[in-house]
PDB file of N, CA and C in Angstrom:
ATOM      1  N   VAL A   1       0.808  -1.250  -0.032  1.00  0.00           N
ATOM      2  CA  VAL A   1      -0.085  -0.007   0.092  1.00  0.00           C
ATOM      3  C   VAL A   1       0.964   1.344   0.037  1.00  0.00           C
ATOM      4  N   PHE A   2       0.645   1.945  -0.856  1.00  0.00           N
ATOM      5  CA  PHE A   2       1.231   3.393  -0.990  1.00  0.00           C
ATOM      6  C   PHE A   2       0.213   4.368  -0.543  1.00  0.00           C
ATOM      7  N   THR A   3       0.234   5.000   0.709  1.00  0.00           N
ATOM      8  CA  THR A   3      -0.540   6.057   1.161  1.00  0.00           C
ATOM      9  C   THR A   3      -0.108   7.470   0.547  1.00  0.00           C
ATOM     10  N   ARG A   4      -1.215   8.094   0.138  1.00  0.00           N
ATOM     11  CA  ARG A   4      -0.880   9.619  -0.617  1.00  0.00           C
ATOM     12  C   ARG A   4      -0.913  10.622   0.403  1.00  0.00           C
ATOM     13  N   THR A   5      -1.626  10.525   1.553  1.00  0.00           N
ATOM     14  CA  THR A   5      -1.865  11.447   2.525  1.00  0.00           C
ATOM     15  C   THR A   5      -1.440  11.151   3.864  1.00  0.00           C
ATOM     16  N   ASP A   6      -1.326  12.217   4.776  1.00  0.00           N
ATOM     17  CA  ASP A   6      -0.867  11.980   6.106  1.00  0.00           C
ATOM     18  C   ASP A   6      -2.021  11.271   6.963  1.00  0.00           C
ATOM     19  N   ASN A   7      -3.494  11.556   6.377  1.00  0.00           N
ATOM     20  CA  ASN A   7      -4.532  11.012   6.983  1.00  0.00           C
ATOM     21  C   ASN A   7      -4.549   9.701   6.591  1.00  0.00           C
ATOM     22  N   GLY A   8      -4.326   9.227   5.395  1.00  0.00           N
ATOM     23  CA  GLY A   8      -4.508   7.983   4.812  1.00  0.00           C
ATOM     24  C   GLY A   8      -3.346   6.971   5.542  1.00  0.00           C
ATOM     25  N   ALA A   9      -2.032   7.713   5.828  1.00  0.00           N
ATOM     26  CA  ALA A   9      -0.959   6.888   6.504  1.00  0.00           C
ATOM     27  C   ALA A   9      -1.375   6.681   7.783  1.00  0.00           C
ATOM     28  N   ASP A  10      -2.087   7.495   8.601  1.00  0.00           N
ATOM     29  CA  ASP A  10      -2.514   7.417   9.851  1.00  0.00           C
ATOM     30  C   ASP A  10      -3.488   6.291   9.900  1.00  0.00           C
ATOM     31  N   ILE A  11      -4.604   6.256   9.026  1.00  0.00           N
ATOM     32  CA  ILE A  11      -5.752   5.301   8.991  1.00  0.00           C
ATOM     33  C   ILE A  11      -4.985   3.962   8.640  1.00  0.00           C
ATOM     34  N   PHE A  12      -4.220   3.901   7.716  1.00  0.00           N
ATOM     35  CA  PHE A  12      -3.418   2.703   7.472  1.00  0.00           C
ATOM     36  C   PHE A  12      -2.556   2.001   8.707  1.00  0.00           C
ATOM     37  N   THR A  13      -1.971   2.797   9.419  1.00  0.00           N
ATOM     38  CA  THR A  13      -1.158   2.320  10.371  1.00  0.00           C
ATOM     39  C   THR A  13      -1.928   1.849  11.471  1.00  0.00           C
ATOM     40  N   ALA A  14      -3.092   2.428  11.952  1.00  0.00           N
ATOM     41  CA  ALA A  14      -4.122   2.155  12.823  1.00  0.00           C
ATOM     42  C   ALA A  14      -4.648   0.737  12.450  1.00  0.00           C
ATOM     43  N   ALA A  15      -4.950   0.618  11.161  1.00  0.00           N
ATOM     44  CA  ALA A  15      -5.443  -0.687  10.771  1.00  0.00           C
ATOM     45  C   ALA A  15      -4.650  -1.682  10.986  1.00  0.00           C
ATOM     46  N   VAL A  16      -3.328  -1.573  10.600  1.00  0.00           N
ATOM     47  CA  VAL A  16      -2.248  -2.364  10.845  1.00  0.00           C
ATOM     48  C   VAL A  16      -2.209  -2.718  12.451  1.00  0.00           C
ATOM     49  N   GLU A  17      -2.012  -1.759  13.242  1.00  0.00           N
ATOM     50  CA  GLU A  17      -1.728  -2.010  14.627  1.00  0.00           C
ATOM     51  C   GLU A  17      -2.982  -2.765  15.346  1.00  0.00           C
ATOM     52  N   ALA A  18      -4.211  -2.446  14.720  1.00  0.00           N
ATOM     53  CA  ALA A  18      -5.524  -3.125  15.201  1.00  0.00           C
ATOM     54  C   ALA A  18      -5.534  -4.531  14.724  1.00  0.00           C
ATOM     55  N   GLY A  19      -4.768  -4.867  13.855  1.00  0.00           N
ATOM     56  CA  GLY A  19      -4.566  -6.275  13.384  1.00  0.00           C
ATOM     57  C   GLY A  19      -5.565  -6.594  12.180  1.00  0.00           C
ATOM     58  N   VAL A  20      -6.224  -5.374  11.736  1.00  0.00           N
ATOM     59  CA  VAL A  20      -7.320  -5.546  10.670  1.00  0.00           C
ATOM     60  C   VAL A  20      -6.522  -5.944   9.315  1.00  0.00           C
ATOM     61  N   ILE A  21      -5.305  -5.220   9.067  1.00  0.00           N
ATOM     62  CA  ILE A  21      -4.868  -5.631   7.944  1.00  0.00           C
ATOM     63  C   ILE A  21      -3.509  -6.072   8.150  1.00  0.00           C
ATOM     64  N   GLU A  22      -2.938  -7.075   7.576  1.00  0.00           N
ATOM     65  CA  GLU A  22      -1.470  -7.667   7.981  1.00  0.00           C
ATOM     66  C   GLU A  22      -0.650  -7.290   6.718  1.00  0.00           C
ATOM     67  N   THR A  23       0.414  -7.044   6.990  1.00  0.00           N
ATOM     68  CA  THR A  23       1.489  -6.512   6.028  1.00  0.00           C
ATOM     69  C   THR A  23       2.817  -7.470   5.846  1.00  0.00           C
ATOM     70  N   LYS A  24       3.718  -7.332   4.846  1.00  0.00           N
ATOM     71  CA  LYS A  24       4.623  -8.155   4.535  1.00  0.00           C
ATOM     72  C   LYS A  24       5.567  -7.291   3.963  1.00  0.00           C
ATOM     73  N   PRO A  25       6.807  -7.418   4.164  1.00  0.00           N
ATOM     74  CA  PRO A  25       8.020  -6.490   3.473  1.00  0.00           C
ATOM     75  C   PRO A  25       7.845  -6.753   1.825  1.00  0.00           C
ATOM     76  N   MET A  26       8.040  -5.765   1.225  1.00  0.00           N
ATOM     77  CA  MET A  26       7.812  -5.961  -0.257  1.00  0.00           C
ATOM     78  C   MET A  26       8.849  -6.959  -0.774  1.00  0.00           C
ATOM     79  N   ASP A  27       9.954  -7.065  -0.123  1.00  0.00           N
ATOM     80  CA  ASP A  27      11.008  -8.248  -0.656  1.00  0.00           C
ATOM     81  C   ASP A  27      10.277  -9.517  -0.517  1.00  0.00           C
ATOM     82  N   ASP A  28       9.542 -10.010   0.407  1.00  0.00           N
ATOM     83  CA  ASP A  28       8.991 -11.090   0.649  1.00  0.00           C
ATOM     84  C   ASP A  28       7.922 -11.563  -0.172  1.00  0.00           C
ATOM     85  N   VAL A  29       7.311 -10.435  -1.158  1.00  0.00           N
ATOM     86  CA  VAL A  29       6.320 -10.787  -1.829  1.00  0.00           C
ATOM     87  C   VAL A  29       6.770 -10.878  -3.483  1.00  0.00           C
ATOM     88  N   LYS A  30       6.469 -12.122  -4.098  1.00  0.00           N
ATOM     89  CA  LYS A  30       6.742 -12.309  -5.315  1.00  0.00           C
ATOM     90  C   LYS A  30       5.528 -12.242  -6.319  1.00  0.00           C
ATOM     91  N   PRO A  31       5.590 -11.424  -7.399  1.00  0.00           N
ATOM     92  CA  PRO A  31       6.675 -10.896  -8.104  1.00  0.00           C
ATOM     93  C   PRO A  31       7.091  -9.468  -7.503  1.00  0.00           C
ATOM     94  N   GLY A  32       6.097  -8.993  -6.550  1.00  0.00           N
ATOM     95  CA  GLY A  32       6.734  -7.664  -5.759  1.00  0.00           C
ATOM     96  C   GLY A  32       6.955  -6.571  -6.537  1.00  0.00           C
ATOM     97  N   LEU A  33       7.932  -5.872  -6.241  1.00  0.00           N
ATOM     98  CA  LEU A  33       8.184  -4.666  -6.816  1.00  0.00           C
ATOM     99  C   LEU A  33       8.347  -4.419  -8.340  1.00  0.00           C
ATOM    100  N   GLU A  34       8.842  -5.728  -8.848  1.00  0.00           N
ATOM    101  CA  GLU A  34       9.119  -5.421 -10.269  1.00  0.00           C
ATOM    102  C   GLU A  34       7.629  -5.481 -11.077  1.00  0.00           C
ATOM    103  N   LEU A  35       6.784  -6.213 -10.690  1.00  0.00           N
ATOM    104  CA  LEU A  35       5.479  -6.328 -11.178  1.00  0.00           C
ATOM    105  C   LEU A  35       4.829  -4.927 -10.858  1.00  0.00           C
ATOM    106  N   LEU A  36       4.779  -4.321  -9.866  1.00  0.00           N
ATOM    107  CA  LEU A  36       4.287  -3.158  -9.614  1.00  0.00           C
ATOM    108  C   LEU A  36       4.909  -1.981 -10.296  1.00  0.00           C
ATOM    109  N   GLU A  37       6.152  -2.145 -10.589  1.00  0.00           N
ATOM    110  CA  GLU A  37       6.696  -0.920 -11.499  1.00  0.00           C
ATOM    111  C   GLU A  37       6.350  -1.027 -12.862  1.00  0.00           C
ATOM    112  N   LYS A  38       6.190  -2.460 -13.340  1.00  0.00           N
ATOM    113  CA  LYS A  38       5.737  -2.844 -14.730  1.00  0.00           C
ATOM    114  C   LYS A  38       4.116  -2.160 -14.973  1.00  0.00           C
ATOM    115  N   LEU A  39       3.338  -2.366 -14.009  1.00  0.00           N
ATOM    116  CA  LEU A  39       2.053  -1.870 -14.111  1.00  0.00           C
ATOM    117  C   LEU A  39       1.902  -0.434 -14.127  1.00  0.00           C
ATOM    118  N   ALA A  40       2.784   0.157 -13.076  1.00  0.00           N
ATOM    119  CA  ALA A  40       2.664   1.596 -12.981  1.00  0.00           C
ATOM    120  C   ALA A  40       3.253   2.054 -14.313  1.00  0.00           C
ATOM    121  N   ASN A  41       4.244   1.598 -14.852  1.00  0.00           N
ATOM    122  CA  ASN A  41       4.839   2.330 -16.114  1.00  0.00           C
ATOM    123  C   ASN A  41       3.747   1.956 -17.272  1.00  0.00           C
ATOM    124  N   GLY A  42       2.990   0.950 -17.369  1.00  0.00           N
ATOM    125  CA  GLY A  42       2.010   0.564 -18.274  1.00  0.00           C
ATOM    126  C   GLY A  42       1.063   1.712 -18.283  1.00  0.00           C
ATOM    127  N   LYS A  43       0.467   2.141 -17.220  1.00  0.00           N
ATOM    128  CA  LYS A  43      -0.528   3.113 -17.009  1.00  0.00           C
ATOM    129  C   LYS A  43       0.012   4.392 -17.326  1.00  0.00           C
ATOM    130  N   LYS A  44       1.233   4.851 -17.002  1.00  0.00           N
ATOM    131  CA  LYS A  44       1.744   6.132 -17.365  1.00  0.00           C
ATOM    132  C   LYS A  44       1.690   6.148 -18.961  1.00  0.00           C
ATOM    133  N   ASP A  45       2.221   5.122 -19.533  1.00  0.00           N
ATOM    134  CA  ASP A  45       2.417   4.948 -20.967  1.00  0.00           C
ATOM    135  C   ASP A  45       1.182   5.258 -21.550  1.00  0.00           C
ATOM    136  N   LYS A  46      -0.019   4.377 -21.247  1.00  0.00           N
ATOM    137  CA  LYS A  46      -1.371   4.518 -21.766  1.00  0.00           C
ATOM    138  C   LYS A  46      -1.915   5.703 -21.509  1.00  0.00           C
ATOM    139  N   GLY A  47      -1.559   6.376 -20.392  1.00  0.00           N
ATOM    140  CA  GLY A  47      -2.336   7.747 -20.141  1.00  0.00           C
ATOM    141  C   GLY A  47      -1.657   8.733 -21.182  1.00  0.00           C
ATOM    142  N   GLN A  48      -0.258   8.802 -21.343  1.00  0.00           N
ATOM    143  CA  GLN A  48       0.329   9.530 -22.242  1.00  0.00           C
ATOM    144  C   GLN A  48      -0.205   9.231 -23.771  1.00  0.00           C
ATOM    145  N   LYS A  49      -0.412   8.185 -24.144  1.00  0.00           N
ATOM    146  CA  LYS A  49      -1.095   8.002 -25.479  1.00  0.00           C
ATOM    147  C   LYS A  49      -2.209   8.335 -25.785  1.00  0.00           C
ATOM    148  N   GLU A  50      -3.148   8.239 -24.568  1.00  0.00           N
ATOM    149  CA  GLU A  50      -4.504   8.969 -24.651  1.00  0.00           C
ATOM    150  C   GLU A  50      -4.251  10.461 -24.881  1.00  0.00           C
ATOM    151  N   ILE A  51      -3.436  11.058 -24.035  1.00  0.00           N
ATOM    152  CA  ILE A  51      -3.266  12.674 -24.024  1.00  0.00           C
ATOM    153  C   ILE A  51      -3.076  12.901 -25.368  1.00  0.00           C
ATOM    154  N   GLU A  52      -1.956  12.171 -26.090  1.00  0.00           N
ATOM    155  CA  GLU A  52      -1.464  12.491 -27.637  1.00  0.00           C
ATOM    156  C   GLU A  52      -2.643  12.423 -28.425  1.00  0.00           C
ATOM    157  N   ARG A  53      -3.461  11.294 -28.241  1.00  0.00           N
ATOM    158  CA  ARG A  53      -4.594  11.046 -29.054  1.00  0.00           C
ATOM    159  C   ARG A  53      -5.616  12.201 -29.120  1.00  0.00           C
ATOM    160  N   ARG A  54      -5.885  12.595 -27.951  1.00  0.00           N
ATOM    161  CA  ARG A  54      -6.952  13.779 -27.697  1.00  0.00           C
ATOM    162  C   ARG A  54      -6.410  14.891 -28.411  1.00  0.00           C
ATOM    163  N   VAL A  55      -5.119  15.363 -28.117  1.00  0.00           N
ATOM    164  CA  VAL A  55      -4.467  16.375 -28.548  1.00  0.00           C
ATOM    165  C   VAL A  55      -4.797  16.411 -30.177  1.00  0.00           C
ATOM    166  N   ASN A  56      -4.307  15.255 -30.820  1.00  0.00           N
ATOM    167  CA  ASN A  56      -4.287  15.134 -32.220  1.00  0.00           C
ATOM    168  C   ASN A  56      -5.734  15.347 -32.739  1.00  0.00           C
ATOM    169  N   MET A  57      -6.658  14.977 -31.983  1.00  0.00           N
ATOM    170  CA  MET A  57      -8.194  15.069 -32.401  1.00  0.00           C
ATOM    171  C   MET A  57      -8.670  16.490 -32.167  1.00  0.00           C
ATOM    172  N   GLY A  58      -7.677  17.325 -31.535  1.00  0.00           N
ATOM    173  CA  GLY A  58      -8.278  18.564 -31.189  1.00  0.00           C
ATOM    174  C   GLY A  58      -9.174  18.732 -30.014  1.00  0.00           C
ATOM    175  N   LEU A  59      -9.006  17.643 -29.387  1.00  0.00           N
ATOM    176  CA  LEU A  59     -10.030  17.532 -28.014  1.00  0.00           C
ATOM    177  C   LEU A  59      -9.396  17.932 -26.655  1.00  0.00           C
ATOM    178  N   PRO A  60      -9.994  18.465 -25.829  1.00  0.00           N
ATOM    179  CA  PRO A  60      -9.145  19.035 -24.638  1.00  0.00           C
ATOM    180  C   PRO A  60      -8.427  17.815 -23.950  1.00  0.00           C
ATOM    181  N   SER A  61      -7.365  18.049 -23.407  1.00  0.00           N
ATOM    182  CA  SER A  61      -6.580  17.076 -22.634  1.00  0.00           C
ATOM    183  C   SER A  61      -6.456  17.411 -21.244  1.00  0.00           C
ATOM    184  N   PRO A  62      -6.186  16.670 -20.354  1.00  0.00           N
ATOM    185  CA  PRO A  62      -6.045  17.125 -18.885  1.00  0.00           C
ATOM    186  C   PRO A  62      -4.980  18.234 -18.461  1.00  0.00           C
ATOM    187  N   PHE A  63      -3.922  18.347 -19.459  1.00  0.00           N
ATOM    188  CA  PHE A  63      -2.992  19.264 -18.993  1.00  0.00           C
ATOM    189  C   PHE A  63      -3.045  20.490 -20.047  1.00  0.00           C
TER     190      PHE A  63
END
């Protein structure tokens, strides 16, 4: 889990401490970080291609 805000981190930490959520070090999880990086990069690439497609069509883009 990657928390994005301090509030989210606090909630996640409280859930772990309460035993609601179990955690493992990323190194213990397979395929782990490699798969996460691959998925994140794929999402970024797909988003960039969509932005380029919209710009080429004269449509508004998010930036």
